[in-house]
Protein backbone atom coordinates (compact mmCIF):
# COMPACT_ATOMS: atom_id res chain seq x y z
CA UNK A 1 160.16 179.81 4.91
CA UNK A 2 163.58 179.96 6.77
CA UNK A 3 164.08 178.67 10.28
CA UNK A 4 164.88 181.77 12.46
CA UNK A 5 166.97 179.64 14.78
CA UNK A 6 169.51 178.92 12.01
CA UNK A 7 170.31 182.49 11.64
CA UNK A 8 170.97 183.11 15.30
CA UNK A 9 174.31 183.09 17.36
CA UNK A 10 175.43 183.90 20.70
CA UNK A 11 175.87 187.61 19.97
CA UNK A 12 172.12 187.97 19.02
CA UNK A 13 170.84 186.49 22.32
CA UNK A 14 168.77 183.43 22.94
CA UNK A 15 166.31 182.73 20.10
CA UNK A 16 163.27 180.66 20.53
CA UNK A 17 160.33 179.70 18.21
CA UNK A 18 156.93 179.16 19.84
CA UNK A 19 153.75 177.64 18.13
CA UNK A 20 150.57 179.23 18.90
CA UNK A 21 147.33 180.62 17.49
CA UNK A 22 146.84 184.00 16.10
CA UNK A 23 144.27 186.19 17.72
CA UNK A 24 144.39 189.20 15.39
CA UNK A 25 140.99 188.02 13.98
CA UNK A 26 138.39 185.24 14.46
CA UNK A 27 140.12 182.80 12.04
CA UNK A 28 142.64 181.51 14.54
CA UNK A 29 145.32 180.60 12.23
CA UNK A 30 148.40 178.63 13.42
CA UNK A 31 151.39 180.72 13.82
CA UNK A 32 155.12 180.51 14.70
CA UNK A 33 156.43 183.33 16.96
CA UNK A 34 160.13 183.99 17.16
CA UNK A 35 161.33 185.44 20.48
CA UNK A 36 164.85 186.85 21.15
CA UNK A 37 165.63 186.95 24.84
CA UNK A 38 161.83 186.64 25.64
CA UNK A 39 160.74 189.44 23.29
CA UNK A 40 158.63 188.89 20.06
CA UNK A 41 160.66 189.58 17.05
CA UNK A 42 158.79 187.90 14.25
CA UNK A 43 155.47 186.14 13.45
CA UNK A 44 154.82 183.89 10.45
CA UNK A 45 152.36 181.19 9.47
CA UNK A 46 152.76 177.57 10.79
CA UNK A 47 152.98 175.23 7.75
CA UNK A 48 152.07 172.30 10.04
CA UNK A 49 148.88 173.77 11.19
CA UNK A 50 145.94 172.02 9.59
CA UNK A 51 143.82 175.16 9.31
CA UNK A 52 145.85 177.62 7.48
CA UNK A 53 148.80 175.31 6.40
CA UNK A 54 151.33 178.20 6.80
CA UNK A 55 149.18 180.81 5.01
CA UNK A 56 149.14 184.19 6.98
CA UNK A 57 147.56 187.54 6.17
CA UNK A 58 148.80 191.04 7.06
CA UNK A 59 146.94 191.01 10.31
CA UNK A 60 148.99 188.18 11.70
CA UNK A 61 152.50 189.64 11.63
CA UNK A 62 151.06 192.96 12.99
CA UNK A 63 150.18 191.05 16.15
CA UNK A 64 153.57 192.20 17.48
CA UNK A 65 151.97 195.56 18.10
CA UNK A 66 149.41 194.10 20.56
CA UNK A 67 152.49 193.79 22.78
CA UNK A 68 154.75 196.66 21.93
CA UNK A 69 152.48 199.42 20.49
CA UNK A 70 153.32 202.71 21.98
CA UNK A 71 149.64 203.58 22.28
CA UNK A 72 148.91 200.36 24.16
CA UNK A 73 147.16 201.10 27.56
CA UNK A 74 149.11 199.88 30.48
CA UNK A 75 147.56 201.86 33.36
CA UNK A 76 144.06 203.20 34.24
CA UNK A 77 143.25 206.57 32.97
CA UNK A 78 140.92 208.94 34.44
CA UNK A 79 139.54 212.05 32.77
CA UNK A 80 141.03 215.26 34.18
CA UNK A 81 139.07 217.28 36.54
CA UNK A 82 136.95 219.74 34.61
CA UNK A 83 137.79 218.24 31.25
CA UNK A 84 134.85 217.82 28.81
CA UNK A 85 133.87 214.20 27.78
CA UNK A 86 135.49 213.54 24.37
CA UNK A 87 138.40 215.83 24.80
CA UNK A 88 140.81 213.00 25.36
CA UNK A 89 142.29 214.75 28.45
CA UNK A 90 143.38 211.89 30.81
CA UNK A 91 145.73 211.27 33.66
CA UNK A 92 147.17 208.05 34.81
CA UNK A 93 145.88 206.73 38.21
CA UNK A 94 146.86 203.55 40.21
CA UNK A 95 145.02 200.38 39.99
CA UNK A 96 143.91 200.73 43.60
CA UNK A 97 142.37 204.05 42.92
CA UNK A 98 140.62 202.64 39.84
CA UNK A 99 139.17 199.74 41.97
CA UNK A 100 137.95 202.13 44.57
CA UNK A 101 136.10 204.24 42.02
CA UNK A 102 134.47 201.17 40.38
CA UNK A 103 133.52 199.73 43.70
CA UNK A 104 131.79 202.89 44.75
CA UNK A 105 129.82 203.26 41.64
CA UNK A 106 128.75 199.67 41.49
CA UNK A 107 127.84 199.51 45.19
CA UNK A 108 125.52 202.50 44.80
CA UNK A 109 123.89 200.94 41.75
CA UNK A 110 123.52 197.58 43.46
CA UNK A 111 121.92 199.09 46.48
CA UNK A 112 119.30 200.96 44.43
CA UNK A 113 118.55 198.44 41.63
CA UNK A 114 121.12 195.88 40.31
CA UNK A 115 119.14 195.64 37.13
CA UNK A 116 120.30 199.19 36.24
CA UNK A 117 123.80 197.85 35.64
CA UNK A 118 124.50 196.56 32.08
CA UNK A 119 127.77 194.61 31.36
CA UNK A 120 129.12 194.31 27.93
CA UNK A 121 132.40 192.74 26.90
CA UNK A 122 134.07 192.60 23.53
CA UNK A 123 135.43 189.70 21.44
CA UNK A 124 137.59 187.01 23.03
CA UNK A 125 136.55 187.89 26.52
CA UNK A 126 135.80 185.07 29.04
CA UNK A 127 132.02 185.31 28.74
CA UNK A 128 131.46 182.54 31.35
CA UNK A 129 133.14 184.65 33.84
CA UNK A 130 131.56 187.90 32.96
CA UNK A 131 128.21 186.22 32.82
CA UNK A 132 128.63 184.76 36.15
CA UNK A 133 129.74 188.14 37.63
CA UNK A 134 126.53 189.81 36.18
CA UNK A 135 124.32 187.17 37.73
CA UNK A 136 126.06 187.34 41.12
CA UNK A 137 125.61 191.19 40.89
CA UNK A 138 121.96 190.73 40.27
CA UNK A 139 121.53 191.91 36.72
CA UNK A 140 120.19 190.04 33.72
CA UNK A 141 121.52 192.72 31.40
CA UNK A 142 124.76 191.45 30.12
CA UNK A 143 125.98 190.76 26.67
CA UNK A 144 129.07 190.29 24.43
CA UNK A 145 130.30 190.76 21.00
CA UNK A 146 128.63 187.73 19.64
CA UNK A 147 125.11 189.05 20.58
CA UNK A 148 125.54 191.90 18.12
CA UNK A 149 127.33 189.80 15.52
CA UNK A 150 126.70 186.06 14.77
CA UNK A 151 124.25 185.12 17.47
CA UNK A 152 121.33 186.74 15.84
CA UNK A 153 121.99 184.51 12.77
CA UNK A 154 122.24 181.50 14.94
CA UNK A 155 119.05 182.33 16.81
CA UNK A 156 117.33 183.08 13.43
CA UNK A 157 118.13 179.60 12.14
CA UNK A 158 117.04 177.84 15.26
CA UNK A 159 113.78 179.79 15.09
CA UNK A 160 113.24 178.88 11.53
CA UNK A 161 114.52 175.30 10.96
CA UNK A 162 115.43 174.11 14.42
CA UNK A 163 119.16 174.10 13.91
CA UNK A 164 122.00 176.53 14.04
CA UNK A 165 125.53 176.66 12.59
CA UNK A 166 129.17 177.26 13.46
CA UNK A 167 130.31 180.41 11.78
CA UNK A 168 133.78 179.05 10.96
CA UNK A 169 132.58 175.58 9.63
CA UNK A 170 133.30 176.67 6.10
CA UNK A 171 131.38 175.61 3.04
CA UNK A 172 132.12 172.28 1.41
CA UNK A 173 133.82 173.64 -1.62
CA UNK A 174 135.43 170.29 -2.45
CA UNK A 175 132.02 169.11 -3.80
CA UNK A 176 130.12 172.24 -4.43
CA UNK A 177 129.54 173.35 -8.12
CA UNK A 178 128.12 176.90 -7.29
CA UNK A 179 129.21 178.93 -4.34
CA UNK A 180 127.21 182.07 -3.20
CA UNK A 181 128.92 184.28 -0.53
CA UNK A 182 126.78 186.98 1.03
CA UNK A 183 128.58 189.83 2.67
CA UNK A 184 131.22 187.91 4.47
CA UNK A 185 134.01 189.93 6.05
CA UNK A 186 137.65 188.54 5.97
CA UNK A 187 137.94 187.79 9.73
CA UNK A 188 136.00 184.63 9.82
CA UNK A 189 137.87 181.51 8.42
CA UNK A 190 139.70 183.86 6.08
CA UNK A 191 142.98 182.09 5.15
CA UNK A 192 141.48 178.63 4.97
CA UNK A 193 138.65 180.01 2.79
CA UNK A 194 141.11 181.68 0.50
CA UNK A 195 142.95 178.45 0.08
CA UNK A 196 139.54 176.59 -0.50
CA UNK A 197 138.42 179.28 -2.99
CA UNK A 198 141.46 178.92 -5.07
CA UNK A 199 141.08 175.12 -5.37
CA UNK A 200 137.39 175.48 -5.94
CA UNK A 201 137.99 177.83 -8.98
CA UNK A 202 140.60 175.61 -10.37
CA UNK A 203 138.11 172.78 -10.46
CA UNK A 204 135.76 174.86 -12.45
CA UNK A 205 133.43 176.00 -9.69
CA UNK A 206 131.46 179.09 -10.06
CA UNK A 207 131.84 181.79 -7.35
CA UNK A 208 129.09 184.62 -6.90
CA UNK A 209 129.78 187.27 -4.25
CA UNK A 210 126.99 189.52 -3.09
CA UNK A 211 128.56 192.47 -1.37
CA UNK A 212 128.20 196.24 -1.29
CA UNK A 213 132.13 196.61 -2.11
CA UNK A 214 134.46 194.57 -4.39
CA UNK A 215 137.28 193.95 -2.12
CA UNK A 216 138.83 190.78 -0.71
CA UNK A 217 136.88 187.65 -1.60
CA UNK A 218 134.75 189.59 -3.98
CA UNK A 219 137.72 190.66 -6.02
CA UNK A 220 138.22 187.08 -7.23
CA UNK A 221 134.57 186.16 -7.82
CA UNK A 222 133.32 185.09 -11.11
CA UNK A 223 130.39 187.54 -10.54
CA UNK A 224 130.27 190.38 -8.18
CA UNK A 225 126.63 191.49 -7.33
CA UNK A 226 126.69 194.96 -5.64
CA UNK A 227 123.89 195.37 -3.24
CA UNK A 228 122.80 198.34 -0.92
CA UNK A 229 123.92 197.64 2.65
CA UNK A 230 121.28 196.20 4.85
CA UNK A 231 119.06 194.65 1.95
CA UNK A 232 120.08 191.19 1.89
CA UNK A 233 116.78 189.90 3.18
CA UNK A 234 114.92 191.63 0.29
CA UNK A 235 117.14 189.95 -2.31
CA UNK A 236 116.72 186.46 -0.70
CA UNK A 237 112.89 186.82 -0.49
CA UNK A 238 112.80 187.70 -4.15
CA UNK A 239 114.99 184.66 -5.15
CA UNK A 240 112.66 182.55 -3.17
CA UNK A 241 109.76 184.06 -5.11
CA UNK A 242 111.34 183.32 -8.30
CA UNK A 243 112.35 179.66 -7.39
CA UNK A 244 108.63 178.84 -6.57
CA UNK A 245 107.40 180.62 -9.66
CA UNK A 246 109.86 178.80 -11.92
CA UNK A 247 109.24 175.49 -10.12
CA UNK A 248 112.96 175.05 -9.23
CA UNK A 249 112.58 173.84 -5.66
CA UNK A 250 113.40 170.38 -4.54
CA UNK A 251 110.03 168.83 -4.15
CA UNK A 252 111.24 165.48 -2.84
CA UNK A 253 113.43 167.06 -0.27
CA UNK A 254 110.58 169.33 0.99
CA UNK A 255 108.12 166.37 1.37
CA UNK A 256 110.53 163.91 3.09
CA UNK A 257 112.57 166.24 5.35
CA UNK A 258 110.43 169.33 6.04
CA UNK A 259 106.88 170.14 7.05
CA UNK A 260 106.09 171.74 3.73
CA UNK A 261 103.37 169.36 2.86
CA UNK A 262 101.67 169.35 6.31
CA UNK A 263 98.27 170.89 6.39
CA UNK A 264 97.75 174.14 8.28
CA UNK A 265 94.30 175.48 9.56
CA UNK A 266 93.36 178.53 7.33
CA UNK A 267 90.43 180.01 9.15
CA UNK A 268 91.04 183.46 10.97
CA UNK A 269 87.99 182.93 13.06
CA UNK A 270 89.32 179.84 14.91
CA UNK A 271 91.62 179.72 17.81
CA UNK A 272 93.97 177.22 16.00
CA UNK A 273 94.22 179.43 12.83
CA UNK A 274 97.86 179.11 11.47
CA UNK A 275 98.51 175.94 13.33
CA UNK A 276 99.18 172.46 12.01
CA UNK A 277 95.97 170.47 11.89
CA UNK A 278 96.21 167.29 14.10
CA UNK A 279 93.66 164.57 13.97
CA UNK A 280 92.36 163.15 17.07
CA UNK A 281 92.45 159.46 17.95
CA UNK A 282 90.31 157.79 20.49
CA UNK A 283 92.08 156.13 23.37
CA UNK A 284 89.66 153.21 23.21
CA UNK A 285 90.80 152.41 19.76
CA UNK A 286 94.17 151.48 21.16
CA UNK A 287 96.92 153.68 19.88
CA UNK A 288 97.96 157.37 19.55
CA UNK A 289 100.52 159.44 17.68
CA UNK A 290 102.08 162.39 19.30
CA UNK A 291 102.53 164.22 16.01
CA UNK A 292 99.31 163.03 14.14
CA UNK A 293 99.62 165.55 11.41
CA UNK A 294 98.02 165.40 8.02
CA UNK A 295 98.98 165.53 4.28
CA UNK A 296 96.55 165.87 1.36
CA UNK A 297 96.91 162.87 -0.75
CA UNK A 298 97.00 163.51 -4.69
CA UNK A 299 95.62 160.07 -5.59
CA UNK A 300 92.80 159.90 -3.04
CA UNK A 301 92.13 163.79 -2.93
CA UNK A 302 91.72 163.34 0.85
CA UNK A 303 93.56 163.90 4.01
CA UNK A 304 95.80 161.26 5.23
CA UNK A 305 98.43 160.73 7.91
CA UNK A 306 101.92 162.16 7.16
CA UNK A 307 104.41 159.76 5.79
CA UNK A 308 102.00 157.01 5.16
CA UNK A 309 103.84 154.61 2.78
CA UNK A 310 102.98 155.31 -0.94
CA UNK A 311 101.36 158.64 -0.38
CA UNK A 312 102.28 161.47 -2.78
CA UNK A 313 101.18 164.73 -0.94
CA UNK A 314 100.26 168.10 -2.49
CA UNK A 315 102.32 171.03 -1.69
CA UNK A 316 100.00 173.47 -3.08
CA UNK A 317 96.33 174.19 -2.92
CA UNK A 318 93.29 174.83 -0.63
CA UNK A 319 91.27 172.01 0.84
CA UNK A 320 88.65 171.22 3.19
CA UNK A 321 88.92 168.28 5.70
CA UNK A 322 85.99 165.76 6.28
CA UNK A 323 85.00 167.93 9.16
CA UNK A 324 84.87 171.02 7.12
CA UNK A 325 88.14 172.61 8.38
CA UNK A 326 89.77 174.69 5.66
CA UNK A 327 93.43 173.95 5.37
CA UNK A 328 96.38 174.68 3.23
CA UNK A 329 99.78 172.98 2.97
CA UNK A 330 102.53 174.99 4.63
CA UNK A 331 104.24 175.34 1.33
CA UNK A 332 101.25 177.16 -0.13
CA UNK A 333 101.38 179.53 2.80
CA UNK A 334 105.00 180.18 1.87
CA UNK A 335 104.09 180.76 -1.67
CA UNK A 336 101.33 183.22 -0.62
CA UNK A 337 103.66 184.98 1.66
CA UNK A 338 106.39 185.71 -0.91
CA UNK A 339 103.97 186.44 -3.69
CA UNK A 340 104.54 190.20 -3.40
CA UNK A 341 108.32 189.99 -3.25
CA UNK A 342 108.92 190.12 -6.99
CA UNK A 343 112.32 190.96 -8.49
CA UNK A 344 110.98 194.43 -9.39
CA UNK A 345 110.09 194.96 -5.70
CA UNK A 346 113.51 193.89 -4.57
CA UNK A 347 115.23 195.91 -7.28
CA UNK A 348 113.98 199.11 -5.88
CA UNK A 349 115.28 198.24 -2.49
CA UNK A 350 118.62 196.45 -3.21
CA UNK A 351 119.70 198.35 -6.34
CA UNK A 352 120.16 195.05 -8.09
CA UNK A 353 118.35 194.79 -11.55
CA UNK A 354 115.26 192.58 -11.66
CA UNK A 355 116.76 190.45 -14.50
CA UNK A 356 119.85 189.88 -12.51
CA UNK A 357 117.65 188.55 -9.55
CA UNK A 358 115.76 186.20 -11.96
CA UNK A 359 119.04 184.96 -13.36
CA UNK A 360 120.49 184.25 -9.98
CA UNK A 361 117.47 182.37 -8.88
CA UNK A 362 117.39 180.39 -12.12
CA UNK A 363 121.09 179.50 -11.73
CA UNK A 364 120.85 178.30 -8.20
CA UNK A 365 117.73 176.16 -9.00
CA UNK A 366 119.20 174.54 -12.12
CA UNK A 367 122.47 173.62 -10.56
CA UNK A 368 120.74 172.23 -7.54
CA UNK A 369 118.42 170.24 -9.78
CA UNK A 370 120.72 169.10 -12.55
CA UNK A 371 124.20 168.68 -10.94
CA UNK A 372 123.41 166.26 -8.15
CA UNK A 373 126.33 164.19 -6.61
CA UNK A 374 126.10 160.85 -4.80
CA UNK A 375 128.34 159.87 -2.01
CA UNK A 376 128.72 156.24 -0.81
CA UNK A 377 127.71 156.99 2.78
CA UNK A 378 125.30 154.66 4.57
CA UNK A 379 122.73 156.24 6.89
CA UNK A 380 119.35 155.65 8.47
CA UNK A 381 116.63 158.27 8.31
CA UNK A 382 114.30 159.13 11.09
CA UNK A 383 111.74 156.53 10.06
CA UNK A 384 114.15 153.65 10.31
CA UNK A 385 114.82 153.39 6.47
CA UNK A 386 118.45 152.28 5.55
CA UNK A 387 120.05 154.05 2.63
CA UNK A 388 123.29 153.14 0.84
CA UNK A 389 124.27 156.60 -0.48
CA UNK A 390 123.67 160.20 0.06
CA UNK A 391 122.41 162.43 -2.74
CA UNK A 392 123.57 166.02 -2.58
CA UNK A 393 122.67 169.14 -4.31
CA UNK A 394 125.96 171.05 -4.80
CA UNK A 395 125.06 174.68 -4.10
CA UNK A 396 127.04 176.15 -1.20
CA UNK A 397 126.28 179.39 0.70
CA UNK A 398 128.45 181.35 3.01
CA UNK A 399 126.94 184.28 4.98
CA UNK A 400 128.53 185.81 8.05
CA UNK A 401 129.13 189.64 8.35
CA UNK A 402 126.82 190.84 5.71
CA UNK A 403 123.80 189.21 7.30
CA UNK A 404 124.99 189.46 10.74
CA UNK A 405 126.19 193.01 10.96
CA UNK A 406 123.31 194.53 9.01
CA UNK A 407 120.24 195.75 11.09
CA UNK A 408 117.98 193.08 9.33
CA UNK A 409 120.22 190.16 10.15
CA UNK A 410 117.84 188.07 12.18
CA UNK A 411 115.02 188.22 9.44
CA UNK A 412 117.61 187.83 6.61
CA UNK A 413 119.09 184.67 8.10
CA UNK A 414 115.47 183.22 8.45
CA UNK A 415 114.91 184.04 4.79
CA UNK A 416 118.24 182.35 3.69
CA UNK A 417 117.23 179.27 5.81
CA UNK A 418 114.14 178.97 3.78
CA UNK A 419 115.95 179.49 0.54
CA UNK A 420 118.49 176.81 1.21
CA UNK A 421 115.71 174.37 2.17
CA UNK A 422 113.92 174.99 -1.03
CA UNK A 423 117.18 174.13 -2.89
CA UNK A 424 117.62 170.99 -0.78
CA UNK A 425 121.14 171.96 -0.04
CA UNK A 426 122.02 172.61 3.67
CA UNK A 427 120.75 173.44 7.02
CA UNK A 428 123.18 176.15 7.94
CA UNK A 429 125.18 178.96 6.18
CA UNK A 430 128.45 177.24 6.49
CA UNK A 431 128.38 175.67 3.03
CA UNK A 432 127.24 172.62 1.10
CA UNK A 433 125.52 169.86 3.09
CA UNK A 434 124.30 166.52 1.67
CA UNK A 435 120.57 166.69 0.79
CA UNK A 436 119.69 163.68 2.95
CA UNK A 437 119.25 163.02 5.79
CA UNK A 438 119.13 166.81 6.48
CA UNK A 439 117.92 169.27 7.79
CA UNK A 440 118.47 168.02 11.33
CA UNK A 441 118.73 169.54 14.85
CA UNK A 442 122.10 170.54 16.10
CA UNK A 443 123.39 168.95 18.22
CA UNK A 444 122.42 165.72 16.55
CA UNK A 445 119.22 164.19 17.81
CA UNK A 446 119.30 160.77 19.52
CA UNK A 447 118.79 157.64 17.58
CA UNK A 448 115.14 156.54 17.23
CA UNK A 449 114.22 154.45 20.28
CA UNK A 450 113.32 150.82 19.71
CA UNK A 451 110.78 148.64 21.52
CA UNK A 452 107.01 148.72 22.14
CA UNK A 453 107.36 151.86 24.30
CA UNK A 454 108.90 153.87 21.39
CA UNK A 455 106.81 156.82 20.19
CA UNK A 456 108.08 157.84 16.86
CA UNK A 457 107.08 161.35 15.73
CA UNK A 458 105.47 161.23 12.19
CA UNK A 459 105.87 157.48 12.11
CA UNK A 460 102.47 155.94 11.47
CA UNK A 461 103.80 152.33 11.52
CA UNK A 462 105.50 152.55 14.97
CA UNK A 463 102.77 153.84 17.33
CA UNK A 464 102.33 152.67 20.79
CA UNK A 465 99.23 151.52 22.65
CA UNK A 466 98.32 153.60 25.76
CA UNK A 467 98.24 150.33 27.71
CA UNK A 468 101.81 149.35 26.72
CA UNK A 469 103.71 148.37 29.84
CA UNK A 470 100.62 147.23 31.63
CA UNK A 471 99.85 143.57 32.41
CA UNK A 472 98.52 142.45 29.16
CA UNK A 473 101.41 144.23 27.16
CA UNK A 474 99.08 144.89 24.14
CA UNK A 475 101.30 146.44 21.44
CA UNK A 476 100.39 147.55 17.86
CA UNK A 477 101.30 145.13 15.11
CA UNK A 478 99.99 147.59 12.55
CA UNK A 479 98.85 151.12 12.95
CA UNK A 480 98.42 153.28 10.05
CA UNK A 481 95.72 155.15 8.03
CA UNK A 482 95.20 152.83 5.10
CA UNK A 483 95.93 154.37 1.79
CA UNK A 484 92.88 152.61 0.28
CA UNK A 485 89.86 151.57 2.33
CA UNK A 486 87.69 148.55 1.51
CA UNK A 487 84.44 150.24 2.54
CA UNK A 488 84.92 154.03 2.89
CA UNK A 489 87.67 156.46 2.38
CA UNK A 490 90.04 156.86 5.38
CA UNK A 491 89.50 159.55 7.65
CA UNK A 492 90.92 160.45 11.11
CA UNK A 493 87.78 159.16 12.99
CA UNK A 494 87.90 155.78 11.14
CA UNK A 495 91.38 154.67 12.26
CA UNK A 496 91.54 151.30 13.76
CA UNK A 497 94.35 149.50 15.53
CA UNK A 498 95.06 145.81 15.24
CA UNK A 499 96.77 144.48 18.26
CA UNK A 500 97.75 141.26 19.84
CA UNK A 501 97.63 140.16 23.38
């Protein structure tokens, strides 16, 4: 690119080049704006900007029209007296007149019932100020662009796996082997994503685009999967069905980092039906665990405290606890839930052939299982175990506008969260995330506390006596449900705490 200042002279006026950020879409690329005598004359990408590195799309240079378009509104307009709504017959009025009209209408509403006033603002508005205005006015009914776009996805992920995402985070295409994009429009991370996609494909990565139309990103995809608008959720549920049916889920990840193996009460006649079964520990026995949930041990064929060292829990099956409570692992409930969502069922809804759905599920599962990568990153898991490396499953997802803009966006992103968890890939639809130590809450949770007062969720070896901190300072030296018992099988009621004074 040529420097505009090198082509200027005194006859052309004073030429300046300002560096700023493009606001023509949500990508926020770096741009250079050339001004002549204070007027915008040219916009180009900024090669020094780390996001787009000089790349710019057609929307960027057209930003000049935001300042100089003849259709740009510069004064308040009022519909002409007697004109019908929608007739586009307006007349200019002063700002003072406009404020008088607004004040009169709002004062009337506020006097009657402030909650009748609903405030909505578009993208790039100062939502902190508009929200404050609405609260001071007395109405809880205010929203903005995000509430109808990406927020339903973020809320769906928080609801499902406890963590959200940042829509412009971008998938980690530097390490991914398979990339699935679901309905993403080209106004979120667009130029950087195009650069990353080009490098990804040069390295041999496979790109699958699921979108009703083949434009933009989909035009360069290795496979384009046309789908009926608004049916993403049905496709994802069918893929989940197939992953479980074909056994292509990441069992180790599900056991270590999710609640898939934890036992759930399965008795509709009980008040705690559908809740995780927790065993009760007697205070007089010395210790307690705030989580105290259970697995079903394959070796013992008996319930046991979660994350007991050496235990291999079942993910599927139906069991009865020692007290007669019928239970199922959470994963079994998922399997039961998606049993009806077959590829044939989804094909009728999505327009995608059942064989294609099976193939997509198989490809995702096989890549996640067979093409793992290892990164030399040291980390400590929730239970205090140190690891020298991170193992990753290189399947990346990026879903933004397809899931967000469709009417089923909230439920679709919940389904996608479960799909990604089954593959052991990531905890957000921003791309590849190393398998361990995720999923995790966002923002990152604090480090596990240390000391005798520490109560570690799901950490049987780090429980605390209820008398900790009292005069005797009795603390647990060992507290867990023994995997093998000398006299009888372990049970929630037979837990004993060995402590020192």
